[in-house]
């Protein structure tokens, strides 16, 4: 698993997301302190009730039909890498 800073992740997001799609896990650090992990999704994972509620409230944008891969785990939600990329693109546009 590779460790990456927030700045490095933002600068090379597409590259890191390609690596996640190929099965690699990326540990995200803020000043050398791990704060999160980007992990690939297993096939067949589905959107949970909490994600549906967040989407209904307009807080979360659900992925398109081809990428309906969200799973709730003990450490938080796993989100399809395309969702992360779309959200970051949207945030940058604002």
PDB file of N, CA and C in Angstrom:
ATOM      1  N   UNK A   1       0.859  -1.170   0.000  1.00  0.00           N
ATOM      2  CA  UNK A   1       0.000   0.000   0.000  1.00  0.00           C
ATOM      3  C   UNK A   1       0.909   1.237   0.000  1.00  0.00           C
ATOM      4  N   UNK A   2       0.593   2.162  -0.885  1.00  0.00           N
ATOM      5  CA  UNK A   2       1.379   3.382  -0.973  1.00  0.00           C
ATOM      6  C   UNK A   2       0.767   4.480  -0.115  1.00  0.00           C
ATOM      7  N   UNK A   3       1.625   5.250   0.533  1.00  0.00           N
ATOM      8  CA  UNK A   3       1.210   6.405   1.315  1.00  0.00           C
ATOM      9  C   UNK A   3       1.390   7.649   0.458  1.00  0.00           C
ATOM     10  N   UNK A   4       0.402   8.557   0.490  1.00  0.00           N
ATOM     11  CA  UNK A   4       0.443   9.758  -0.334  1.00  0.00           C
ATOM     12  C   UNK A   4      -0.116  10.945   0.448  1.00  0.00           C
ATOM     13  N   UNK A   5       0.479  12.128   0.233  1.00  0.00           N
ATOM     14  CA  UNK A   5      -0.028  13.337   0.896  1.00  0.00           C
ATOM     15  C   UNK A   5      -1.268  13.840   0.159  1.00  0.00           C
ATOM     16  N   UNK A   6      -2.024  14.681   0.811  1.00  0.00           N
ATOM     17  CA  UNK A   6      -3.212  15.266   0.188  1.00  0.00           C
ATOM     18  C   UNK A   6      -2.824  16.056  -1.053  1.00  0.00           C
ATOM     19  N   UNK A   7      -1.763  16.852  -0.951  1.00  0.00           N
ATOM     20  CA  UNK A   7      -1.319  17.665  -2.093  1.00  0.00           C
ATOM     21  C   UNK A   7      -0.933  16.785  -3.276  1.00  0.00           C
ATOM     22  N   UNK A   8      -0.202  15.697  -3.007  1.00  0.00           N
ATOM     23  CA  UNK A   8       0.200  14.775  -4.068  1.00  0.00           C
ATOM     24  C   UNK A   8      -1.025  14.101  -4.682  1.00  0.00           C
ATOM     25  N   UNK A   9      -1.978  13.717  -3.848  1.00  0.00           N
ATOM     26  CA  UNK A   9      -3.203  13.087  -4.337  1.00  0.00           C
ATOM     27  C   UNK A   9      -3.973  14.038  -5.246  1.00  0.00           C
ATOM     28  N   UNK A  10      -4.123  15.290  -4.813  1.00  0.00           N
ATOM     29  CA  UNK A  10      -4.840  16.269  -5.625  1.00  0.00           C
ATOM     30  C   UNK A  10      -4.132  16.520  -6.955  1.00  0.00           C
ATOM     31  N   UNK A  11      -2.816  16.577  -6.922  1.00  0.00           N
ATOM     32  CA  UNK A  11      -2.050  16.866  -8.136  1.00  0.00           C
ATOM     33  C   UNK A  11      -2.077  15.725  -9.148  1.00  0.00           C
ATOM     34  N   UNK A  12      -2.200  14.506  -8.655  1.00  0.00           N
ATOM     35  CA  UNK A  12      -2.119  13.333  -9.534  1.00  0.00           C
ATOM     36  C   UNK A  12      -3.291  12.384  -9.329  1.00  0.00           C
ATOM     37  N   UNK A  13      -4.473  12.943  -9.095  1.00  0.00           N
ATOM     38  CA  UNK A  13      -5.633  12.134  -8.748  1.00  0.00           C
ATOM     39  C   UNK A  13      -5.948  11.061  -9.786  1.00  0.00           C
ATOM     40  N   UNK A  14      -5.956  11.423 -11.042  1.00  0.00           N
ATOM     41  CA  UNK A  14      -6.292  10.442 -12.083  1.00  0.00           C
ATOM     42  C   UNK A  14      -5.354   9.246 -12.049  1.00  0.00           C
ATOM     43  N   UNK A  15      -4.084   9.508 -11.857  1.00  0.00           N
ATOM     44  CA  UNK A  15      -3.095   8.435 -11.789  1.00  0.00           C
ATOM     45  C   UNK A  15      -3.364   7.507 -10.611  1.00  0.00           C
ATOM     46  N   UNK A  16      -3.643   8.088  -9.445  1.00  0.00           N
ATOM     47  CA  UNK A  16      -3.924   7.267  -8.265  1.00  0.00           C
ATOM     48  C   UNK A  16      -5.224   6.484  -8.428  1.00  0.00           C
ATOM     49  N   UNK A  17      -6.228   7.086  -9.032  1.00  0.00           N
ATOM     50  CA  UNK A  17      -7.493   6.372  -9.233  1.00  0.00           C
ATOM     51  C   UNK A  17      -7.328   5.218 -10.208  1.00  0.00           C
ATOM     52  N   UNK A  18      -6.476   5.371 -11.209  1.00  0.00           N
ATOM     53  CA  UNK A  18      -6.181   4.245 -12.116  1.00  0.00           C
ATOM     54  C   UNK A  18      -5.555   3.097 -11.336  1.00  0.00           C
ATOM     55  N   UNK A  19      -4.679   3.432 -10.412  1.00  0.00           N
ATOM     56  CA  UNK A  19      -4.037   2.403  -9.594  1.00  0.00           C
ATOM     57  C   UNK A  19      -5.051   1.699  -8.699  1.00  0.00           C
ATOM     58  N   UNK A  20      -5.988   2.465  -8.146  1.00  0.00           N
ATOM     59  CA  UNK A  20      -7.042   1.868  -7.319  1.00  0.00           C
ATOM     60  C   UNK A  20      -7.903   0.941  -8.172  1.00  0.00           C
ATOM     61  N   UNK A  21      -8.254   1.388  -9.380  1.00  0.00           N
ATOM     62  CA  UNK A  21      -9.048   0.531 -10.275  1.00  0.00           C
ATOM     63  C   UNK A  21      -8.342  -0.797 -10.554  1.00  0.00           C
ATOM     64  N   UNK A  22      -7.012  -0.770 -10.567  1.00  0.00           N
ATOM     65  CA  UNK A  22      -6.262  -1.996 -10.843  1.00  0.00           C
ATOM     66  C   UNK A  22      -6.045  -2.839  -9.587  1.00  0.00           C
ATOM     67  N   UNK A  23      -6.581  -2.388  -8.444  1.00  0.00           N
ATOM     68  CA  UNK A  23      -6.546  -3.204  -7.238  1.00  0.00           C
ATOM     69  C   UNK A  23      -5.668  -2.690  -6.109  1.00  0.00           C
ATOM     70  N   UNK A  24      -4.930  -1.616  -6.315  1.00  0.00           N
ATOM     71  CA  UNK A  24      -4.047  -1.087  -5.280  1.00  0.00           C
ATOM     72  C   UNK A  24      -4.816  -0.246  -4.264  1.00  0.00           C
ATOM     73  N   UNK A  25      -4.359  -0.254  -3.023  1.00  0.00           N
ATOM     74  CA  UNK A  25      -4.915   0.600  -1.982  1.00  0.00           C
ATOM     75  C   UNK A  25      -3.979   1.789  -1.781  1.00  0.00           C
ATOM     76  N   UNK A  26      -4.555   2.984  -1.557  1.00  0.00           N
ATOM     77  CA  UNK A  26      -3.784   4.205  -1.360  1.00  0.00           C
ATOM     78  C   UNK A  26      -4.101   4.761   0.031  1.00  0.00           C
ATOM     79  N   UNK A  27      -3.072   4.951   0.846  1.00  0.00           N
ATOM     80  CA  UNK A  27      -3.224   5.535   2.172  1.00  0.00           C
ATOM     81  C   UNK A  27      -3.009   7.040   2.051  1.00  0.00           C
ATOM     82  N   UNK A  28      -3.993   7.835   2.474  1.00  0.00           N
ATOM     83  CA  UNK A  28      -3.915   9.293   2.384  1.00  0.00           C
ATOM     84  C   UNK A  28      -3.468   9.845   3.735  1.00  0.00           C
ATOM     85  N   UNK A  29      -2.420  10.701   3.693  1.00  0.00           N
ATOM     86  CA  UNK A  29      -1.855  11.263   4.926  1.00  0.00           C
ATOM     87  C   UNK A  29      -1.908  12.784   4.907  1.00  0.00           C
ATOM     88  N   UNK A  30      -2.095  13.348   6.085  1.00  0.00           N
ATOM     89  CA  UNK A  30      -2.031  14.792   6.286  1.00  0.00           C
ATOM     90  C   UNK A  30      -0.882  15.042   7.260  1.00  0.00           C
ATOM     91  N   UNK A  31       0.204  15.618   6.760  1.00  0.00           N
ATOM     92  CA  UNK A  31       1.410  15.867   7.571  1.00  0.00           C
ATOM     93  C   UNK A  31       1.897  14.591   8.253  1.00  0.00           C
ATOM     94  N   UNK A  32       2.024  13.544   7.454  1.00  0.00           N
ATOM     95  CA  UNK A  32       2.522  12.225   7.897  1.00  0.00           C
ATOM     96  C   UNK A  32       1.564  11.464   8.803  1.00  0.00           C
ATOM     97  N   UNK A  33       0.349  11.977   8.995  1.00  0.00           N
ATOM     98  CA  UNK A  33      -0.646  11.291   9.818  1.00  0.00           C
ATOM     99  C   UNK A  33      -1.702  10.683   8.893  1.00  0.00           C
ATOM    100  N   UNK A  34      -1.854   9.350   8.905  1.00  0.00           N
ATOM    101  CA  UNK A  34      -2.872   8.723   8.058  1.00  0.00           C
ATOM    102  C   UNK A  34      -4.269   9.218   8.422  1.00  0.00           C
ATOM    103  N   UNK A  35      -5.046   9.609   7.396  1.00  0.00           N
ATOM    104  CA  UNK A  35      -6.405  10.111   7.642  1.00  0.00           C
ATOM    105  C   UNK A  35      -7.466   9.335   6.875  1.00  0.00           C
ATOM    106  N   UNK A  36      -7.061   8.550   5.898  1.00  0.00           N
ATOM    107  CA  UNK A  36      -8.036   7.791   5.133  1.00  0.00           C
ATOM    108  C   UNK A  36      -7.352   6.855   4.166  1.00  0.00           C
ATOM    109  N   UNK A  37      -8.178   6.041   3.529  1.00  0.00           N
ATOM    110  CA  UNK A  37      -7.648   5.066   2.590  1.00  0.00           C
ATOM    111  C   UNK A  37      -8.604   4.975   1.405  1.00  0.00           C
ATOM    112  N   UNK A  38      -8.049   4.955   0.212  1.00  0.00           N
ATOM    113  CA  UNK A  38      -8.846   4.735  -1.001  1.00  0.00           C
ATOM    114  C   UNK A  38      -8.615   3.288  -1.401  1.00  0.00           C
ATOM    115  N   UNK A  39      -9.700   2.530  -1.465  1.00  0.00           N
ATOM    116  CA  UNK A  39      -9.588   1.095  -1.751  1.00  0.00           C
ATOM    117  C   UNK A  39     -10.493   0.721  -2.924  1.00  0.00           C
ATOM    118  N   UNK A  40     -10.098  -0.286  -3.682  1.00  0.00           N
ATOM    119  CA  UNK A  40     -10.971  -0.749  -4.763  1.00  0.00           C
ATOM    120  C   UNK A  40     -12.186  -1.463  -4.187  1.00  0.00           C
ATOM    121  N   UNK A  41     -13.276  -1.405  -4.917  1.00  0.00           N
ATOM    122  CA  UNK A  41     -14.490  -2.091  -4.492  1.00  0.00           C
ATOM    123  C   UNK A  41     -14.525  -3.496  -5.058  1.00  0.00           C
ATOM    124  N   UNK A  42     -15.133  -4.384  -4.296  1.00  0.00           N
ATOM    125  CA  UNK A  42     -15.356  -5.734  -4.781  1.00  0.00           C
ATOM    126  C   UNK A  42     -16.583  -5.724  -5.686  1.00  0.00           C
ATOM    127  N   UNK A  43     -16.586  -6.597  -6.652  1.00  0.00           N
ATOM    128  CA  UNK A  43     -17.761  -6.687  -7.524  1.00  0.00           C
ATOM    129  C   UNK A  43     -18.987  -7.071  -6.708  1.00  0.00           C
ATOM    130  N   UNK A  44     -20.109  -6.482  -7.063  1.00  0.00           N
ATOM    131  CA  UNK A  44     -21.359  -6.841  -6.406  1.00  0.00           C
ATOM    132  C   UNK A  44     -21.708  -6.014  -5.184  1.00  0.00           C
ATOM    133  N   UNK A  45     -20.818  -5.098  -4.764  1.00  0.00           N
ATOM    134  CA  UNK A  45     -21.160  -4.249  -3.630  1.00  0.00           C
ATOM    135  C   UNK A  45     -22.262  -3.294  -4.055  1.00  0.00           C
ATOM    136  N   UNK A  46     -23.147  -2.944  -3.134  1.00  0.00           N
ATOM    137  CA  UNK A  46     -24.284  -2.120  -3.514  1.00  0.00           C
ATOM    138  C   UNK A  46     -24.448  -0.906  -2.604  1.00  0.00           C
ATOM    139  N   UNK A  47     -25.294   0.009  -3.033  1.00  0.00           N
ATOM    140  CA  UNK A  47     -25.562   1.239  -2.291  1.00  0.00           C
ATOM    141  C   UNK A  47     -26.421   0.912  -1.078  1.00  0.00           C
ATOM    142  N   UNK A  48     -26.037   1.470   0.078  1.00  0.00           N
ATOM    143  CA  UNK A  48     -26.764   1.227   1.309  1.00  0.00           C
ATOM    144  C   UNK A  48     -27.811   2.293   1.578  1.00  0.00           C
ATOM    145  N   UNK A  49     -28.605   2.079   2.605  1.00  0.00           N
ATOM    146  CA  UNK A  49     -29.685   3.000   2.968  1.00  0.00           C
ATOM    147  C   UNK A  49     -29.153   4.380   3.348  1.00  0.00           C
ATOM    148  N   UNK A  50     -28.011   4.426   4.045  1.00  0.00           N
ATOM    149  CA  UNK A  50     -27.460   5.719   4.460  1.00  0.00           C
ATOM    150  C   UNK A  50     -27.044   6.546   3.244  1.00  0.00           C
ATOM    151  N   UNK A  51     -26.430   5.893   2.258  1.00  0.00           N
ATOM    152  CA  UNK A  51     -26.041   6.605   1.040  1.00  0.00           C
ATOM    153  C   UNK A  51     -27.264   7.114   0.286  1.00  0.00           C
ATOM    154  N   UNK A  52     -28.328   6.335   0.272  1.00  0.00           N
ATOM    155  CA  UNK A  52     -29.568   6.751  -0.396  1.00  0.00           C
ATOM    156  C   UNK A  52     -30.158   7.985   0.296  1.00  0.00           C
ATOM    157  N   UNK A  53     -30.119   8.016   1.633  1.00  0.00           N
ATOM    158  CA  UNK A  53     -30.618   9.176   2.380  1.00  0.00           C
ATOM    159  C   UNK A  53     -29.786  10.419   2.092  1.00  0.00           C
ATOM    160  N   UNK A  54     -28.463  10.259   2.049  1.00  0.00           N
ATOM    161  CA  UNK A  54     -27.585  11.397   1.746  1.00  0.00           C
ATOM    162  C   UNK A  54     -27.838  11.913   0.330  1.00  0.00           C
ATOM    163  N   UNK A  55     -28.075  11.010  -0.600  1.00  0.00           N
ATOM    164  CA  UNK A  55     -28.372  11.411  -1.982  1.00  0.00           C
ATOM    165  C   UNK A  55     -29.701  12.157  -2.045  1.00  0.00           C
ATOM    166  N   UNK A  56     -30.694  11.679  -1.316  1.00  0.00           N
ATOM    167  CA  UNK A  56     -31.999  12.337  -1.305  1.00  0.00           C
ATOM    168  C   UNK A  56     -31.905  13.742  -0.713  1.00  0.00           C
ATOM    169  N   UNK A  57     -30.995  13.925   0.240  1.00  0.00           N
ATOM    170  CA  UNK A  57     -30.810  15.233   0.857  1.00  0.00           C
ATOM    171  C   UNK A  57     -29.919  16.147   0.011  1.00  0.00           C
ATOM    172  N   UNK A  58     -29.357  15.616  -1.068  1.00  0.00           N
ATOM    173  CA  UNK A  58     -28.499  16.410  -1.939  1.00  0.00           C
ATOM    174  C   UNK A  58     -27.071  16.539  -1.447  1.00  0.00           C
ATOM    175  N   UNK A  59     -26.708  15.748  -0.443  1.00  0.00           N
ATOM    176  CA  UNK A  59     -25.362  15.795   0.114  1.00  0.00           C
ATOM    177  C   UNK A  59     -24.396  14.912  -0.668  1.00  0.00           C
ATOM    178  N   UNK A  60     -24.913  13.851  -1.247  1.00  0.00           N
ATOM    179  CA  UNK A  60     -24.111  12.867  -1.952  1.00  0.00           C
ATOM    180  C   UNK A  60     -24.635  12.689  -3.365  1.00  0.00           C
ATOM    181  N   UNK A  61     -23.751  12.655  -4.330  1.00  0.00           N
ATOM    182  CA  UNK A  61     -24.148  12.370  -5.711  1.00  0.00           C
ATOM    183  C   UNK A  61     -23.864  10.894  -5.976  1.00  0.00           C
ATOM    184  N   UNK A  62     -24.891  10.156  -6.318  1.00  0.00           N
ATOM    185  CA  UNK A  62     -24.718   8.741  -6.595  1.00  0.00           C
ATOM    186  C   UNK A  62     -24.045   8.545  -7.949  1.00  0.00           C
ATOM    187  N   UNK A  63     -23.312   7.446  -8.100  1.00  0.00           N
ATOM    188  CA  UNK A  63     -22.665   7.169  -9.368  1.00  0.00           C
ATOM    189  C   UNK A  63     -23.686   6.836 -10.442  1.00  0.00           C
ATOM    190  N   UNK A  64     -23.235   6.897 -11.697  1.00  0.00           N
ATOM    191  CA  UNK A  64     -24.132   6.525 -12.789  1.00  0.00           C
ATOM    192  C   UNK A  64     -24.438   5.033 -12.728  1.00  0.00           C
ATOM    193  N   UNK A  65     -25.280   4.557 -13.602  1.00  0.00           N
ATOM    194  CA  UNK A  65     -25.739   3.167 -13.574  1.00  0.00           C
ATOM    195  C   UNK A  65     -24.585   2.185 -13.670  1.00  0.00           C
ATOM    196  N   UNK A  66     -23.546   2.512 -14.432  1.00  0.00           N
ATOM    197  CA  UNK A  66     -22.424   1.596 -14.619  1.00  0.00           C
ATOM    198  C   UNK A  66     -21.576   1.445 -13.359  1.00  0.00           C
ATOM    199  N   UNK A  67     -21.698   2.370 -12.400  1.00  0.00           N
ATOM    200  CA  UNK A  67     -20.865   2.327 -11.210  1.00  0.00           C
ATOM    201  C   UNK A  67     -21.715   2.461  -9.954  1.00  0.00           C
ATOM    202  N   UNK A  68     -22.463   1.450  -9.629  1.00  0.00           N
ATOM    203  CA  UNK A  68     -23.310   1.482  -8.432  1.00  0.00           C
ATOM    204  C   UNK A  68     -22.643   0.700  -7.315  1.00  0.00           C
ATOM    205  N   UNK A  69     -21.376   1.023  -7.033  1.00  0.00           N
ATOM    206  CA  UNK A  69     -20.579   0.249  -6.093  1.00  0.00           C
ATOM    207  C   UNK A  69     -20.245   1.020  -4.833  1.00  0.00           C
ATOM    208  N   UNK A  70     -21.167   1.071  -3.886  1.00  0.00           N
ATOM    209  CA  UNK A  70     -20.893   1.677  -2.592  1.00  0.00           C
ATOM    210  C   UNK A  70     -21.145   0.627  -1.516  1.00  0.00           C
ATOM    211  N   UNK A  71     -20.308   0.630  -0.502  1.00  0.00           N
ATOM    212  CA  UNK A  71     -20.512  -0.320   0.591  1.00  0.00           C
ATOM    213  C   UNK A  71     -20.220   0.376   1.909  1.00  0.00           C
ATOM    214  N   UNK A  72     -21.034   0.140   2.880  1.00  0.00           N
ATOM    215  CA  UNK A  72     -20.819   0.691   4.218  1.00  0.00           C
ATOM    216  C   UNK A  72     -19.985  -0.313   5.006  1.00  0.00           C
ATOM    217  N   UNK A  73     -18.900   0.140   5.593  1.00  0.00           N
ATOM    218  CA  UNK A  73     -18.082  -0.738   6.417  1.00  0.00           C
ATOM    219  C   UNK A  73     -17.954  -0.111   7.797  1.00  0.00           C
ATOM    220  N   UNK A  74     -17.289  -0.796   8.703  1.00  0.00           N
ATOM    221  CA  UNK A  74     -17.113  -0.290  10.051  1.00  0.00           C
ATOM    222  C   UNK A  74     -16.319   1.005  10.093  1.00  0.00           C
ATOM    223  N   UNK A  75     -15.511   1.277   9.093  1.00  0.00           N
ATOM    224  CA  UNK A  75     -14.681   2.477   9.078  1.00  0.00           C
ATOM    225  C   UNK A  75     -15.250   3.574   8.193  1.00  0.00           C
ATOM    226  N   UNK A  76     -16.440   3.410   7.668  1.00  0.00           N
ATOM    227  CA  UNK A  76     -17.027   4.431   6.810  1.00  0.00           C
ATOM    228  C   UNK A  76     -17.471   3.841   5.489  1.00  0.00           C
ATOM    229  N   UNK A  77     -17.856   4.706   4.581  1.00  0.00           N
ATOM    230  CA  UNK A  77     -18.352   4.244   3.293  1.00  0.00           C
ATOM    231  C   UNK A  77     -17.198   4.080   2.327  1.00  0.00           C
ATOM    232  N   UNK A  78     -17.249   3.045   1.529  1.00  0.00           N
ATOM    233  CA  UNK A  78     -16.326   2.885   0.421  1.00  0.00           C
ATOM    234  C   UNK A  78     -17.046   3.435  -0.798  1.00  0.00           C
ATOM    235  N   UNK A  79     -16.388   4.287  -1.529  1.00  0.00           N
ATOM    236  CA  UNK A  79     -17.030   4.963  -2.641  1.00  0.00           C
ATOM    237  C   UNK A  79     -16.282   4.663  -3.927  1.00  0.00           C
ATOM    238  N   UNK A  80     -17.034   4.368  -4.983  1.00  0.00           N
ATOM    239  CA  UNK A  80     -16.418   4.099  -6.276  1.00  0.00           C
ATOM    240  C   UNK A  80     -15.499   5.248  -6.664  1.00  0.00           C
ATOM    241  N   UNK A  81     -14.342   4.930  -7.207  1.00  0.00           N
ATOM    242  CA  UNK A  81     -13.361   5.959  -7.541  1.00  0.00           C
ATOM    243  C   UNK A  81     -13.917   6.991  -8.511  1.00  0.00           C
ATOM    244  N   UNK A  82     -14.850   6.596  -9.375  1.00  0.00           N
ATOM    245  CA  UNK A  82     -15.435   7.571 -10.303  1.00  0.00           C
ATOM    246  C   UNK A  82     -16.260   8.603  -9.552  1.00  0.00           C
ATOM    247  N   UNK A  83     -16.858   8.214  -8.451  1.00  0.00           N
ATOM    248  CA  UNK A  83     -17.639   9.149  -7.647  1.00  0.00           C
ATOM    249  C   UNK A  83     -16.711  10.180  -7.015  1.00  0.00           C
ATOM    250  N   UNK A  84     -15.584   9.719  -6.517  1.00  0.00           N
ATOM    251  CA  UNK A  84     -14.611  10.626  -5.912  1.00  0.00           C
ATOM    252  C   UNK A  84     -14.101  11.613  -6.948  1.00  0.00           C
ATOM    253  N   UNK A  85     -13.749  11.111  -8.124  1.00  0.00           N
ATOM    254  CA  UNK A  85     -13.245  11.972  -9.190  1.00  0.00           C
ATOM    255  C   UNK A  85     -14.295  12.996  -9.611  1.00  0.00           C
ATOM    256  N   UNK A  86     -15.531  12.569  -9.789  1.00  0.00           N
ATOM    257  CA  UNK A  86     -16.615  13.494 -10.157  1.00  0.00           C
ATOM    258  C   UNK A  86     -16.808  14.566  -9.092  1.00  0.00           C
ATOM    259  N   UNK A  87     -16.761  14.167  -7.828  1.00  0.00           N
ATOM    260  CA  UNK A  87     -16.957  15.129  -6.744  1.00  0.00           C
ATOM    261  C   UNK A  87     -15.817  16.142  -6.697  1.00  0.00           C
ATOM    262  N   UNK A  88     -14.596  15.683  -6.901  1.00  0.00           N
ATOM    263  CA  UNK A  88     -13.466  16.609  -6.904  1.00  0.00           C
ATOM    264  C   UNK A  88     -13.525  17.558  -8.103  1.00  0.00           C
ATOM    265  N   UNK A  89     -13.903  17.037  -9.265  1.00  0.00           N
ATOM    266  CA  UNK A  89     -14.049  17.898 -10.443  1.00  0.00           C
ATOM    267  C   UNK A  89     -15.107  18.958 -10.192  1.00  0.00           C
ATOM    268  N   UNK A  90     -16.228  18.561  -9.618  1.00  0.00           N
ATOM    269  CA  UNK A  90     -17.316  19.493  -9.314  1.00  0.00           C
ATOM    270  C   UNK A  90     -16.836  20.548  -8.321  1.00  0.00           C
ATOM    271  N   UNK A  91     -16.117  20.109  -7.291  1.00  0.00           N
ATOM    272  CA  UNK A  91     -15.616  21.038  -6.280  1.00  0.00           C
ATOM    273  C   UNK A  91     -14.645  22.042  -6.878  1.00  0.00           C
ATOM    274  N   UNK A  92     -13.793  21.601  -7.776  1.00  0.00           N
ATOM    275  CA  UNK A  92     -12.841  22.495  -8.421  1.00  0.00           C
ATOM    276  C   UNK A  92     -13.551  23.512  -9.309  1.00  0.00           C
ATOM    277  N   UNK A  93     -14.631  23.093  -9.967  1.00  0.00           N
ATOM    278  CA  UNK A  93     -15.377  23.983 -10.848  1.00  0.00           C
ATOM    279  C   UNK A  93     -16.057  25.111 -10.067  1.00  0.00           C
ATOM    280  N   UNK A  94     -16.433  24.838  -8.827  1.00  0.00           N
ATOM    281  CA  UNK A  94     -17.084  25.849  -8.002  1.00  0.00           C
ATOM    282  C   UNK A  94     -16.035  26.775  -7.488  1.00  0.00           C
TER     283      UNK A  94
END
